PDB file of N, CA and C in Angstrom:
ATOM      1  N   MET A   1      14.949  38.014 -15.406  1.00  0.00           N
ATOM      2  CA  MET A   1      14.927  37.678 -13.984  1.00  0.00           C
ATOM      3  C   MET A   1      13.485  37.745 -13.477  1.00  0.00           C
ATOM      4  N   LEU A   2      13.090  36.739 -12.727  1.00  0.00           N
ATOM      5  CA  LEU A   2      11.754  36.701 -12.154  1.00  0.00           C
ATOM      6  C   LEU A   2      11.768  37.361 -10.787  1.00  0.00           C
ATOM      7  N   ILE A   3      10.741  38.100 -10.512  1.00  0.00           N
ATOM      8  CA  ILE A   3      10.629  38.745  -9.206  1.00  0.00           C
ATOM      9  C   ILE A   3       9.524  38.010  -8.452  1.00  0.00           C
ATOM     10  N   PRO A   4       9.889  37.177  -7.478  1.00  0.00           N
ATOM     11  CA  PRO A   4       8.937  36.296  -6.812  1.00  0.00           C
ATOM     12  C   PRO A   4       7.733  37.019  -6.203  1.00  0.00           C
ATOM     13  N   TRP A   5       7.889  38.209  -5.666  1.00  0.00           N
ATOM     14  CA  TRP A   5       6.777  38.859  -4.980  1.00  0.00           C
ATOM     15  C   TRP A   5       5.711  39.391  -5.944  1.00  0.00           C
ATOM     16  N   LEU A   6       5.984  39.315  -7.265  1.00  0.00           N
ATOM     17  CA  LEU A   6       4.979  39.724  -8.234  1.00  0.00           C
ATOM     18  C   LEU A   6       3.959  38.612  -8.506  1.00  0.00           C
ATOM     19  N   PHE A   7       4.297  37.390  -8.114  1.00  0.00           N
ATOM     20  CA  PHE A   7       3.415  36.265  -8.361  1.00  0.00           C
ATOM     21  C   PHE A   7       2.547  35.989  -7.146  1.00  0.00           C
ATOM     22  N   LYS A   8       1.293  35.693  -7.389  1.00  0.00           N
ATOM     23  CA  LYS A   8       0.361  35.364  -6.317  1.00  0.00           C
ATOM     24  C   LYS A   8       0.694  33.977  -5.789  1.00  0.00           C
ATOM     25  N   GLU A   9       0.690  33.835  -4.497  1.00  0.00           N
ATOM     26  CA  GLU A   9       0.898  32.510  -3.912  1.00  0.00           C
ATOM     27  C   GLU A   9      -0.319  31.653  -4.197  1.00  0.00           C
ATOM     28  N   THR A  10      -0.076  30.385  -4.401  1.00  0.00           N
ATOM     29  CA  THR A  10      -1.157  29.444  -4.671  1.00  0.00           C
ATOM     30  C   THR A  10      -1.346  28.560  -3.454  1.00  0.00           C
ATOM     31  N   SER A  11      -2.590  28.397  -3.069  1.00  0.00           N
ATOM     32  CA  SER A  11      -2.932  27.557  -1.931  1.00  0.00           C
ATOM     33  C   SER A  11      -3.561  26.272  -2.431  1.00  0.00           C
ATOM     34  N   LEU A  12      -3.428  25.220  -1.665  1.00  0.00           N
ATOM     35  CA  LEU A  12      -4.085  23.965  -2.010  1.00  0.00           C
ATOM     36  C   LEU A  12      -5.606  24.110  -1.980  1.00  0.00           C
ATOM     37  N   ASP A  13      -6.081  25.125  -1.276  1.00  0.00           N
ATOM     38  CA  ASP A  13      -7.524  25.363  -1.193  1.00  0.00           C
ATOM     39  C   ASP A  13      -8.038  26.236  -2.325  1.00  0.00           C
ATOM     40  N   ASP A  14      -7.167  26.754  -3.183  1.00  0.00           N
ATOM     41  CA  ASP A  14      -7.601  27.585  -4.304  1.00  0.00           C
ATOM     42  C   ASP A  14      -8.392  26.751  -5.304  1.00  0.00           C
ATOM     43  N   HIS A  15      -9.424  27.373  -5.862  1.00  0.00           N
ATOM     44  CA  HIS A  15     -10.216  26.728  -6.915  1.00  0.00           C
ATOM     45  C   HIS A  15      -9.446  26.814  -8.227  1.00  0.00           C
ATOM     46  N   VAL A  16      -9.500  25.757  -9.005  1.00  0.00           N
ATOM     47  CA  VAL A  16      -8.745  25.715 -10.262  1.00  0.00           C
ATOM     48  C   VAL A  16      -9.639  25.653 -11.489  1.00  0.00           C
ATOM     49  N   ASP A  17     -10.943  25.624 -11.276  1.00  0.00           N
ATOM     50  CA  ASP A  17     -11.857  25.599 -12.410  1.00  0.00           C
ATOM     51  C   ASP A  17     -12.744  26.847 -12.399  1.00  0.00           C
ATOM     52  N   ALA A  18     -13.333  27.151 -13.533  1.00  0.00           N
ATOM     53  CA  ALA A  18     -14.155  28.353 -13.680  1.00  0.00           C
ATOM     54  C   ALA A  18     -15.391  28.315 -12.784  1.00  0.00           C
ATOM     55  N   GLU A  19     -15.913  27.125 -12.529  1.00  0.00           N
ATOM     56  CA  GLU A  19     -17.124  27.001 -11.721  1.00  0.00           C
ATOM     57  C   GLU A  19     -16.837  27.097 -10.224  1.00  0.00           C
ATOM     58  N   GLY A  20     -15.588  27.009  -9.831  1.00  0.00           N
ATOM     59  CA  GLY A  20     -15.223  27.078  -8.422  1.00  0.00           C
ATOM     60  C   GLY A  20     -15.585  25.829  -7.647  1.00  0.00           C
ATOM     61  N   GLU A  21     -15.586  24.676  -8.331  1.00  0.00           N
ATOM     62  CA  GLU A  21     -15.964  23.420  -7.679  1.00  0.00           C
ATOM     63  C   GLU A  21     -14.768  22.524  -7.358  1.00  0.00           C
ATOM     64  N   THR A  22     -13.672  22.723  -8.050  1.00  0.00           N
ATOM     65  CA  THR A  22     -12.515  21.844  -7.878  1.00  0.00           C
ATOM     66  C   THR A  22     -11.363  22.620  -7.256  1.00  0.00           C
ATOM     67  N   ARG A  23     -10.848  22.085  -6.180  1.00  0.00           N
ATOM     68  CA  ARG A  23      -9.704  22.712  -5.503  1.00  0.00           C
ATOM     69  C   ARG A  23      -8.413  22.031  -5.950  1.00  0.00           C
ATOM     70  N   LEU A  24      -7.326  22.753  -5.893  1.00  0.00           N
ATOM     71  CA  LEU A  24      -6.020  22.237  -6.301  1.00  0.00           C
ATOM     72  C   LEU A  24      -5.686  20.955  -5.552  1.00  0.00           C
ATOM     73  N   ALA A  25      -5.979  20.877  -4.289  1.00  0.00           N
ATOM     74  CA  ALA A  25      -5.665  19.695  -3.476  1.00  0.00           C
ATOM     75  C   ALA A  25      -6.337  18.435  -4.016  1.00  0.00           C
ATOM     76  N   GLN A  26      -7.504  18.599  -4.653  1.00  0.00           N
ATOM     77  CA  GLN A  26      -8.217  17.448  -5.193  1.00  0.00           C
ATOM     78  C   GLN A  26      -7.503  16.843  -6.398  1.00  0.00           C
ATOM     79  N   LEU A  27      -6.658  17.623  -7.048  1.00  0.00           N
ATOM     80  CA  LEU A  27      -5.978  17.165  -8.250  1.00  0.00           C
ATOM     81  C   LEU A  27      -4.583  16.620  -7.989  1.00  0.00           C
ATOM     82  N   MET A  28      -4.117  16.776  -6.777  1.00  0.00           N
ATOM     83  CA  MET A  28      -2.752  16.352  -6.451  1.00  0.00           C
ATOM     84  C   MET A  28      -2.745  14.896  -6.011  1.00  0.00           C
ATOM     85  N   GLU A  29      -1.763  14.171  -6.496  1.00  0.00           N
ATOM     86  CA  GLU A  29      -1.613  12.759  -6.166  1.00  0.00           C
ATOM     87  C   GLU A  29      -0.890  12.613  -4.839  1.00  0.00           C
ATOM     88  N   ASP A  30      -1.379  11.706  -4.007  1.00  0.00           N
ATOM     89  CA  ASP A  30      -0.706  11.389  -2.752  1.00  0.00           C
ATOM     90  C   ASP A  30       0.330  10.317  -3.058  1.00  0.00           C
ATOM     91  N   PRO A  31       1.625  10.638  -2.951  1.00  0.00           N
ATOM     92  CA  PRO A  31       2.652   9.651  -3.304  1.00  0.00           C
ATOM     93  C   PRO A  31       2.639   8.406  -2.405  1.00  0.00           C
ATOM     94  N   ARG A  32       1.996   8.491  -1.262  1.00  0.00           N
ATOM     95  CA  ARG A  32       1.940   7.343  -0.356  1.00  0.00           C
ATOM     96  C   ARG A  32       0.778   6.411  -0.670  1.00  0.00           C
ATOM     97  N   SER A  33      -0.158   6.870  -1.481  1.00  0.00           N
ATOM     98  CA  SER A  33      -1.323   6.036  -1.773  1.00  0.00           C
ATOM     99  C   SER A  33      -0.990   5.004  -2.849  1.00  0.00           C
ATOM    100  N   VAL A  34      -1.666   3.880  -2.771  1.00  0.00           N
ATOM    101  CA  VAL A  34      -1.491   2.819  -3.758  1.00  0.00           C
ATOM    102  C   VAL A  34      -2.492   3.062  -4.880  1.00  0.00           C
ATOM    103  N   GLN A  35      -1.986   3.101  -6.090  1.00  0.00           N
ATOM    104  CA  GLN A  35      -2.853   3.304  -7.241  1.00  0.00           C
ATOM    105  C   GLN A  35      -3.684   2.041  -7.467  1.00  0.00           C
ATOM    106  N   PRO A  36      -4.964   2.184  -7.824  1.00  0.00           N
ATOM    107  CA  PRO A  36      -5.824   1.003  -8.000  1.00  0.00           C
ATOM    108  C   PRO A  36      -5.268  -0.016  -8.990  1.00  0.00           C
ATOM    109  N   GLU A  37      -4.719   0.467 -10.105  1.00  0.00           N
ATOM    110  CA  GLU A  37      -4.190  -0.479 -11.084  1.00  0.00           C
ATOM    111  C   GLU A  37      -2.964  -1.220 -10.552  1.00  0.00           C
ATOM    112  N   GLN A  38      -2.173  -0.551  -9.717  1.00  0.00           N
ATOM    113  CA  GLN A  38      -1.011  -1.205  -9.113  1.00  0.00           C
ATOM    114  C   GLN A  38      -1.450  -2.257  -8.099  1.00  0.00           C
ATOM    115  N   ALA A  39      -2.478  -1.948  -7.328  1.00  0.00           N
ATOM    116  CA  ALA A  39      -3.007  -2.906  -6.351  1.00  0.00           C
ATOM    117  C   ALA A  39      -3.566  -4.137  -7.069  1.00  0.00           C
ATOM    118  N   LEU A  40      -4.294  -3.923  -8.147  1.00  0.00           N
ATOM    119  CA  LEU A  40      -4.845  -5.038  -8.926  1.00  0.00           C
ATOM    120  C   LEU A  40      -3.725  -5.881  -9.521  1.00  0.00           C
ATOM    121  N   HIS A  41      -2.723  -5.224 -10.079  1.00  0.00           N
ATOM    122  CA  HIS A  41      -1.582  -5.920 -10.666  1.00  0.00           C
ATOM    123  C   HIS A  41      -0.891  -6.785  -9.607  1.00  0.00           C
ATOM    124  N   SER A  42      -0.689  -6.238  -8.431  1.00  0.00           N
ATOM    125  CA  SER A  42      -0.030  -6.991  -7.353  1.00  0.00           C
ATOM    126  C   SER A  42      -0.852  -8.203  -6.943  1.00  0.00           C
ATOM    127  N   ARG A  43      -2.172  -8.025  -6.820  1.00  0.00           N
ATOM    128  CA  ARG A  43      -3.032  -9.161  -6.453  1.00  0.00           C
ATOM    129  C   ARG A  43      -2.993 -10.241  -7.522  1.00  0.00           C
ATOM    130  N   GLN A  44      -2.983  -9.828  -8.787  1.00  0.00           N
ATOM    131  CA  GLN A  44      -2.936 -10.807  -9.870  1.00  0.00           C
ATOM    132  C   GLN A  44      -1.621 -11.576  -9.856  1.00  0.00           C
ATOM    133  N   LEU A  45      -0.510 -10.886  -9.602  1.00  0.00           N
ATOM    134  CA  LEU A  45       0.784 -11.567  -9.545  1.00  0.00           C
ATOM    135  C   LEU A  45       0.835 -12.567  -8.397  1.00  0.00           C
ATOM    136  N   VAL A  46       0.307 -12.187  -7.253  1.00  0.00           N
ATOM    137  CA  VAL A  46       0.287 -13.096  -6.105  1.00  0.00           C
ATOM    138  C   VAL A  46      -0.567 -14.315  -6.440  1.00  0.00           C
ATOM    139  N   ASP A  47      -1.711 -14.096  -7.088  1.00  0.00           N
ATOM    140  CA  ASP A  47      -2.589 -15.204  -7.465  1.00  0.00           C
ATOM    141  C   ASP A  47      -1.888 -16.144  -8.449  1.00  0.00           C
ATOM    142  N   ILE A  48      -1.211 -15.589  -9.439  1.00  0.00           N
ATOM    143  CA  ILE A  48      -0.478 -16.405 -10.414  1.00  0.00           C
ATOM    144  C   ILE A  48       0.616 -17.202  -9.712  1.00  0.00           C
ATOM    145  N   ALA A  49       1.336 -16.548  -8.809  1.00  0.00           N
ATOM    146  CA  ALA A  49       2.417 -17.232  -8.081  1.00  0.00           C
ATOM    147  C   ALA A  49       1.863 -18.376  -7.235  1.00  0.00           C
ATOM    148  N   ARG A  50       0.781 -18.118  -6.541  1.00  0.00           N
ATOM    149  CA  ARG A  50       0.184 -19.177  -5.697  1.00  0.00           C
ATOM    150  C   ARG A  50      -0.269 -20.373  -6.552  1.00  0.00           C
ATOM    151  N   ARG A  51      -0.920 -20.091  -7.680  1.00  0.00           N
ATOM    152  CA  ARG A  51      -1.376 -21.189  -8.550  1.00  0.00           C
ATOM    153  C   ARG A  51      -0.189 -21.955  -9.129  1.00  0.00           C
ATOM    154  N   ALA A  52       0.876 -21.252  -9.480  1.00  0.00           N
ATOM    155  CA  ALA A  52       2.057 -21.917 -10.036  1.00  0.00           C
ATOM    156  C   ALA A  52       2.723 -22.810  -8.992  1.00  0.00           C
ATOM    157  N   LEU A  53       2.674 -22.387  -7.744  1.00  0.00           N
ATOM    158  CA  LEU A  53       3.309 -23.149  -6.674  1.00  0.00           C
ATOM    159  C   LEU A  53       2.479 -24.348  -6.221  1.00  0.00           C
ATOM    160  N   GLU A  54       1.209 -24.393  -6.596  1.00  0.00           N
ATOM    161  CA  GLU A  54       0.334 -25.494  -6.173  1.00  0.00           C
ATOM    162  C   GLU A  54       0.824 -26.856  -6.656  1.00  0.00           C
ATOM    163  N   GLY A  55       1.486 -26.888  -7.798  1.00  0.00           N
ATOM    164  CA  GLY A  55       1.931 -28.165  -8.353  1.00  0.00           C
ATOM    165  C   GLY A  55       3.210 -28.703  -7.738  1.00  0.00           C
ATOM    166  N   LEU A  56       3.748 -28.002  -6.778  1.00  0.00           N
ATOM    167  CA  LEU A  56       4.998 -28.433  -6.153  1.00  0.00           C
ATOM    168  C   LEU A  56       4.740 -29.242  -4.893  1.00  0.00           C
ATOM    169  N   THR A  57       5.741 -30.019  -4.513  1.00  0.00           N
ATOM    170  CA  THR A  57       5.650 -30.718  -3.231  1.00  0.00           C
ATOM    171  C   THR A  57       5.822 -29.690  -2.119  1.00  0.00           C
ATOM    172  N   GLU A  58       5.445 -30.075  -0.928  1.00  0.00           N
ATOM    173  CA  GLU A  58       5.588 -29.180   0.230  1.00  0.00           C
ATOM    174  C   GLU A  58       7.053 -28.772   0.413  1.00  0.00           C
ATOM    175  N   ARG A  59       7.961 -29.715   0.245  1.00  0.00           N
ATOM    176  CA  ARG A  59       9.383 -29.419   0.416  1.00  0.00           C
ATOM    177  C   ARG A  59       9.867 -28.440  -0.646  1.00  0.00           C
ATOM    178  N   GLU A  60       9.448 -28.642  -1.894  1.00  0.00           N
ATOM    179  CA  GLU A  60       9.854 -27.722  -2.968  1.00  0.00           C
ATOM    180  C   GLU A  60       9.323 -26.313  -2.705  1.00  0.00           C
ATOM    181  N   ARG A  61       8.055 -26.225  -2.261  1.00  0.00           N
ATOM    182  CA  ARG A  61       7.480 -24.904  -1.958  1.00  0.00           C
ATOM    183  C   ARG A  61       8.261 -24.231  -0.837  1.00  0.00           C
ATOM    184  N   MET A  62       8.541 -24.987   0.207  1.00  0.00           N
ATOM    185  CA  MET A  62       9.264 -24.430   1.349  1.00  0.00           C
ATOM    186  C   MET A  62      10.639 -23.926   0.922  1.00  0.00           C
ATOM    187  N   ILE A  63      11.313 -24.658   0.066  1.00  0.00           N
ATOM    188  CA  ILE A  63      12.639 -24.246  -0.405  1.00  0.00           C
ATOM    189  C   ILE A  63      12.522 -22.930  -1.174  1.00  0.00           C
ATOM    190  N   LEU A  64      11.556 -22.823  -2.072  1.00  0.00           N
ATOM    191  CA  LEU A  64      11.397 -21.583  -2.847  1.00  0.00           C
ATOM    192  C   LEU A  64      10.964 -20.420  -1.964  1.00  0.00           C
ATOM    193  N   TYR A  65      10.061 -20.675  -1.016  1.00  0.00           N
ATOM    194  CA  TYR A  65       9.629 -19.605  -0.108  1.00  0.00           C
ATOM    195  C   TYR A  65      10.828 -19.012   0.618  1.00  0.00           C
ATOM    196  N   ARG A  66      11.685 -19.901   1.124  1.00  0.00           N
ATOM    197  CA  ARG A  66      12.833 -19.430   1.896  1.00  0.00           C
ATOM    198  C   ARG A  66      13.939 -18.883   0.998  1.00  0.00           C
ATOM    199  N   ARG A  67      14.142 -19.486  -0.120  1.00  0.00           N
ATOM    200  CA  ARG A  67      15.218 -19.050  -1.030  1.00  0.00           C
ATOM    201  C   ARG A  67      14.972 -17.631  -1.534  1.00  0.00           C
ATOM    202  N   PHE A  68      13.705 -17.335  -1.885  1.00  0.00           N
ATOM    203  CA  PHE A  68      13.385 -16.045  -2.491  1.00  0.00           C
ATOM    204  C   PHE A  68      12.599 -15.112  -1.584  1.00  0.00           C
ATOM    205  N   GLY A  69      12.425 -15.489  -0.327  1.00  0.00           N
ATOM    206  CA  GLY A  69      11.736 -14.616   0.616  1.00  0.00           C
ATOM    207  C   GLY A  69      10.274 -14.403   0.259  1.00  0.00           C
ATOM    208  N   LEU A  70       9.596 -15.458  -0.171  1.00  0.00           N
ATOM    209  CA  LEU A  70       8.197 -15.340  -0.588  1.00  0.00           C
ATOM    210  C   LEU A  70       7.245 -15.475   0.590  1.00  0.00           C
ATOM    211  N   PHE A  71       6.120 -14.775   0.498  1.00  0.00           N
ATOM    212  CA  PHE A  71       5.017 -14.894   1.442  1.00  0.00           C
ATOM    213  C   PHE A  71       5.480 -14.748   2.896  1.00  0.00           C
ATOM    214  N   GLY A  72       6.262 -13.727   3.145  1.00  0.00           N
ATOM    215  CA  GLY A  72       6.657 -13.390   4.512  1.00  0.00           C
ATOM    216  C   GLY A  72       7.899 -14.088   5.031  1.00  0.00           C
ATOM    217  N   ASN A  73       8.525 -14.930   4.237  1.00  0.00           N
ATOM    218  CA  ASN A  73       9.756 -15.597   4.658  1.00  0.00           C
ATOM    219  C   ASN A  73      10.958 -14.714   4.338  1.00  0.00           C
ATOM    220  N   ASP A  74      12.013 -14.877   5.124  1.00  0.00           N
ATOM    221  CA  ASP A  74      13.264 -14.177   4.843  1.00  0.00           C
ATOM    222  C   ASP A  74      14.032 -14.945   3.775  1.00  0.00           C
ATOM    223  N   GLU A  75      14.779 -14.227   2.941  1.00  0.00           N
ATOM    224  CA  GLU A  75      15.624 -14.892   1.946  1.00  0.00           C
ATOM    225  C   GLU A  75      16.728 -15.654   2.665  1.00  0.00           C
ATOM    226  N   MET A  76      17.003 -16.842   2.173  1.00  0.00           N
ATOM    227  CA  MET A  76      18.041 -17.668   2.773  1.00  0.00           C
ATOM    228  C   MET A  76      18.945 -18.207   1.675  1.00  0.00           C
ATOM    229  N   THR A  77      20.179 -18.524   2.049  1.00  0.00           N
ATOM    230  CA  THR A  77      21.105 -19.134   1.103  1.00  0.00           C
ATOM    231  C   THR A  77      20.786 -20.623   1.002  1.00  0.00           C
ATOM    232  N   LEU A  78      21.348 -21.261  -0.021  1.00  0.00           N
ATOM    233  CA  LEU A  78      21.167 -22.709  -0.178  1.00  0.00           C
ATOM    234  C   LEU A  78      21.685 -23.446   1.056  1.00  0.00           C
ATOM    235  N   GLU A  79      22.802 -22.994   1.558  1.00  0.00           N
ATOM    236  CA  GLU A  79      23.411 -23.633   2.731  1.00  0.00           C
ATOM    237  C   GLU A  79      22.516 -23.494   3.965  1.00  0.00           C
ATOM    238  N   GLN A  80      21.953 -22.309   4.174  1.00  0.00           N
ATOM    239  CA  GLN A  80      21.064 -22.097   5.324  1.00  0.00           C
ATOM    240  C   GLN A  80      19.826 -22.993   5.224  1.00  0.00           C
ATOM    241  N   ILE A  81      19.250 -23.077   4.043  1.00  0.00           N
ATOM    242  CA  ILE A  81      18.072 -23.931   3.853  1.00  0.00           C
ATOM    243  C   ILE A  81      18.451 -25.385   4.099  1.00  0.00           C
ATOM    244  N   GLY A  82      19.601 -25.790   3.592  1.00  0.00           N
ATOM    245  CA  GLY A  82      20.071 -27.153   3.794  1.00  0.00           C
ATOM    246  C   GLY A  82      20.177 -27.515   5.261  1.00  0.00           C
ATOM    247  N   ARG A  83      20.681 -26.594   6.073  1.00  0.00           N
ATOM    248  CA  ARG A  83      20.784 -26.850   7.516  1.00  0.00           C
ATOM    249  C   ARG A  83      19.398 -27.023   8.146  1.00  0.00           C
ATOM    250  N   VAL A  84      18.434 -26.206   7.697  1.00  0.00           N
ATOM    251  CA  VAL A  84      17.079 -26.273   8.258  1.00  0.00           C
ATOM    252  C   VAL A  84      16.402 -27.603   7.920  1.00  0.00           C
ATOM    253  N   VAL A  85      16.562 -28.057   6.680  1.00  0.00           N
ATOM    254  CA  VAL A  85      15.846 -29.264   6.238  1.00  0.00           C
ATOM    255  C   VAL A  85      16.705 -30.532   6.279  1.00  0.00           C
ATOM    256  N   GLY A  86      17.949 -30.404   6.665  1.00  0.00           N
ATOM    257  CA  GLY A  86      18.807 -31.576   6.787  1.00  0.00           C
ATOM    258  C   GLY A  86      19.284 -32.135   5.461  1.00  0.00           C
ATOM    259  N   LEU A  87      19.540 -31.248   4.496  1.00  0.00           N
ATOM    260  CA  LEU A  87      20.032 -31.654   3.186  1.00  0.00           C
ATOM    261  C   LEU A  87      21.313 -30.892   2.874  1.00  0.00           C
ATOM    262  N   SER A  88      22.061 -31.400   1.916  1.00  0.00           N
ATOM    263  CA  SER A  88      23.263 -30.681   1.493  1.00  0.00           C
ATOM    264  C   SER A  88      22.866 -29.465   0.667  1.00  0.00           C
ATOM    265  N   ARG A  89      23.770 -28.523   0.594  1.00  0.00           N
ATOM    266  CA  ARG A  89      23.556 -27.339  -0.216  1.00  0.00           C
ATOM    267  C   ARG A  89      23.280 -27.725  -1.667  1.00  0.00           C
ATOM    268  N   GLU A  90      24.021 -28.699  -2.154  1.00  0.00           N
ATOM    269  CA  GLU A  90      23.861 -29.156  -3.538  1.00  0.00           C
ATOM    270  C   GLU A  90      22.483 -29.775  -3.773  1.00  0.00           C
ATOM    271  N   ARG A  91      22.004 -30.566  -2.807  1.00  0.00           N
ATOM    272  CA  ARG A  91      20.678 -31.179  -2.968  1.00  0.00           C
ATOM    273  C   ARG A  91      19.584 -30.106  -2.955  1.00  0.00           C
ATOM    274  N   VAL A  92      19.742 -29.092  -2.126  1.00  0.00           N
ATOM    275  CA  VAL A  92      18.778 -27.981  -2.097  1.00  0.00           C
ATOM    276  C   VAL A  92      18.788 -27.271  -3.447  1.00  0.00           C
ATOM    277  N   ARG A  93      19.973 -27.069  -4.025  1.00  0.00           N
ATOM    278  CA  ARG A  93      20.079 -26.422  -5.342  1.00  0.00           C
ATOM    279  C   ARG A  93      19.354 -27.247  -6.402  1.00  0.00           C
ATOM    280  N   GLN A  94      19.529 -28.580  -6.346  1.00  0.00           N
ATOM    281  CA  GLN A  94      18.868 -29.462  -7.304  1.00  0.00           C
ATOM    282  C   GLN A  94      17.337 -29.388  -7.164  1.00  0.00           C
ATOM    283  N   LEU A  95      16.857 -29.398  -5.935  1.00  0.00           N
ATOM    284  CA  LEU A  95      15.419 -29.310  -5.700  1.00  0.00           C
ATOM    285  C   LEU A  95      14.863 -27.955  -6.155  1.00  0.00           C
ATOM    286  N   GLU A  96      15.628 -26.903  -5.922  1.00  0.00           N
ATOM    287  CA  GLU A  96      15.220 -25.572  -6.390  1.00  0.00           C
ATOM    288  C   GLU A  96      15.099 -25.564  -7.917  1.00  0.00           C
ATOM    289  N   LYS A  97      16.094 -26.147  -8.583  1.00  0.00           N
ATOM    290  CA  LYS A  97      16.100 -26.190 -10.048  1.00  0.00           C
ATOM    291  C   LYS A  97      14.896 -26.982 -10.568  1.00  0.00           C
ATOM    292  N   GLU A  98      14.605 -28.117  -9.948  1.00  0.00           N
ATOM    293  CA  GLU A  98      13.460 -28.939 -10.353  1.00  0.00           C
ATOM    294  C   GLU A  98      12.145 -28.180 -10.134  1.00  0.00           C
ATOM    295  N   ALA A  99      12.038 -27.501  -9.023  1.00  0.00           N
ATOM    296  CA  ALA A  99      10.820 -26.751  -8.707  1.00  0.00           C
ATOM    297  C   ALA A  99      10.609 -25.620  -9.716  1.00  0.00           C
ATOM    298  N   LYS A 100      11.675 -24.920 -10.072  1.00  0.00           N
ATOM    299  CA  LYS A 100      11.569 -23.833 -11.050  1.00  0.00           C
ATOM    300  C   LYS A 100      11.164 -24.368 -12.421  1.00  0.00           C
ATOM    301  N   ALA A 101      11.658 -25.543 -12.777  1.00  0.00           N
ATOM    302  CA  ALA A 101      11.279 -26.153 -14.057  1.00  0.00           C
ATOM    303  C   ALA A 101       9.787 -26.510 -14.054  1.00  0.00           C
ATOM    304  N   LYS A 102       9.289 -27.018 -12.929  1.00  0.00           N
ATOM    305  CA  LYS A 102       7.868 -27.336 -12.815  1.00  0.00           C
ATOM    306  C   LYS A 102       7.021 -26.069 -12.952  1.00  0.00           C
ATOM    307  N   ILE A 103       7.474 -24.991 -12.336  1.00  0.00           N
ATOM    308  CA  ILE A 103       6.735 -23.722 -12.412  1.00  0.00           C
ATOM    309  C   ILE A 103       6.721 -23.205 -13.845  1.00  0.00           C
ATOM    310  N   ARG A 104       7.869 -23.258 -14.510  1.00  0.00           N
ATOM    311  CA  ARG A 104       7.929 -22.817 -15.913  1.00  0.00           C
ATOM    312  C   ARG A 104       6.929 -23.598 -16.766  1.00  0.00           C
ATOM    313  N   GLU A 105       6.898 -24.900 -16.561  1.00  0.00           N
ATOM    314  CA  GLU A 105       5.988 -25.750 -17.334  1.00  0.00           C
ATOM    315  C   GLU A 105       4.528 -25.402 -17.013  1.00  0.00           C
ATOM    316  N   ARG A 106       4.258 -25.177 -15.758  1.00  0.00           N
ATOM    317  CA  ARG A 106       2.889 -24.845 -15.341  1.00  0.00           C
ATOM    318  C   ARG A 106       2.444 -23.485 -15.894  1.00  0.00           C
ATOM    319  N   LEU A 107       3.372 -22.539 -16.033  1.00  0.00           N
ATOM    320  CA  LEU A 107       3.046 -21.201 -16.531  1.00  0.00           C
ATOM    321  C   LEU A 107       3.097 -21.100 -18.053  1.00  0.00           C
ATOM    322  N   ARG A 108       3.611 -22.123 -18.712  1.00  0.00           N
ATOM    323  CA  ARG A 108       3.752 -22.081 -20.174  1.00  0.00           C
ATOM    324  C   ARG A 108       2.459 -21.695 -20.896  1.00  0.00           C
ATOM    325  N   PRO A 109       1.282 -22.237 -20.510  1.00  0.00           N
ATOM    326  CA  PRO A 109       0.053 -21.878 -21.232  1.00  0.00           C
ATOM    327  C   PRO A 109      -0.311 -20.388 -21.148  1.00  0.00           C
ATOM    328  N   ILE A 110       0.108 -19.714 -20.100  1.00  0.00           N
ATOM    329  CA  ILE A 110      -0.238 -18.297 -19.968  1.00  0.00           C
ATOM    330  C   ILE A 110       0.961 -17.374 -20.165  1.00  0.00           C
ATOM    331  N   ALA A 111       2.084 -17.926 -20.598  1.00  0.00           N
ATOM    332  CA  ALA A 111       3.312 -17.140 -20.735  1.00  0.00           C
ATOM    333  C   ALA A 111       3.129 -15.936 -21.653  1.00  0.00           C
ATOM    334  N   SER A 112       2.355 -16.085 -22.717  1.00  0.00           N
ATOM    335  CA  SER A 112       2.177 -14.973 -23.645  1.00  0.00           C
ATOM    336  C   SER A 112       1.358 -13.844 -23.025  1.00  0.00           C
ATOM    337  N   GLU A 113       0.571 -14.157 -21.990  1.00  0.00           N
ATOM    338  CA  GLU A 113      -0.235 -13.142 -21.320  1.00  0.00           C
ATOM    339  C   GLU A 113       0.552 -12.384 -20.263  1.00  0.00           C
ATOM    340  N   LEU A 114       1.649 -12.960 -19.806  1.00  0.00           N
ATOM    341  CA  LEU A 114       2.456 -12.318 -18.775  1.00  0.00           C
ATOM    342  C   LEU A 114       3.355 -11.262 -19.392  1.00  0.00           C
ATOM    343  N   ARG A 115       3.283 -10.084 -18.849  1.00  0.00           N
ATOM    344  CA  ARG A 115       4.131  -8.998 -19.320  1.00  0.00           C
ATOM    345  C   ARG A 115       4.899  -8.455 -18.132  1.00  0.00           C
ATOM    346  N   PHE A 116       6.167  -8.247 -18.313  1.00  0.00           N
ATOM    347  CA  PHE A 116       7.007  -7.764 -17.240  1.00  0.00           C
ATOM    348  C   PHE A 116       7.496  -6.361 -17.577  1.00  0.00           C
ATOM    349  N   SER A 117       7.617  -5.545 -16.568  1.00  0.00           N
ATOM    350  CA  SER A 117       8.118  -4.188 -16.788  1.00  0.00           C
ATOM    351  C   SER A 117       9.159  -3.876 -15.721  1.00  0.00           C
ATOM    352  N   ASP A 118       9.788  -2.738 -15.869  1.00  0.00           N
ATOM    353  CA  ASP A 118      10.805  -2.309 -14.906  1.00  0.00           C
ATOM    354  C   ASP A 118      10.175  -1.619 -13.702  1.00  0.00           C
ATOM    355  N   HIS A 119       8.860  -1.446 -13.713  1.00  0.00           N
ATOM    356  CA  HIS A 119       8.194  -0.695 -12.641  1.00  0.00           C
ATOM    357  C   HIS A 119       7.740  -1.578 -11.538  1.00  0.00           C
TER     358      HIS A 119
END
């Protein structure tokens, strides 16, 4: 059994190195901060997405933006997009499929460089 009052309390201001230069607070990660590698990864993904979308028509881009909630758009169903652009749900689905095929083809040269993770 551990007796808690026998252990010294640790403060974030306590020094953790022999030289007394590093405080515990300096070694703790802020869970709200964005890690530099994560920020770089996100910027690279956005850049890849933008370049992949460049080869699409304006209508195809708009359909994908709305369908998947890209670049500040809300996600919409095929039917909702169809009402906005004056097309049937089926025609919107066909245009989405064509646009995705164009993106796949455009990304094919760099596909081996793209790595996906669960994080």
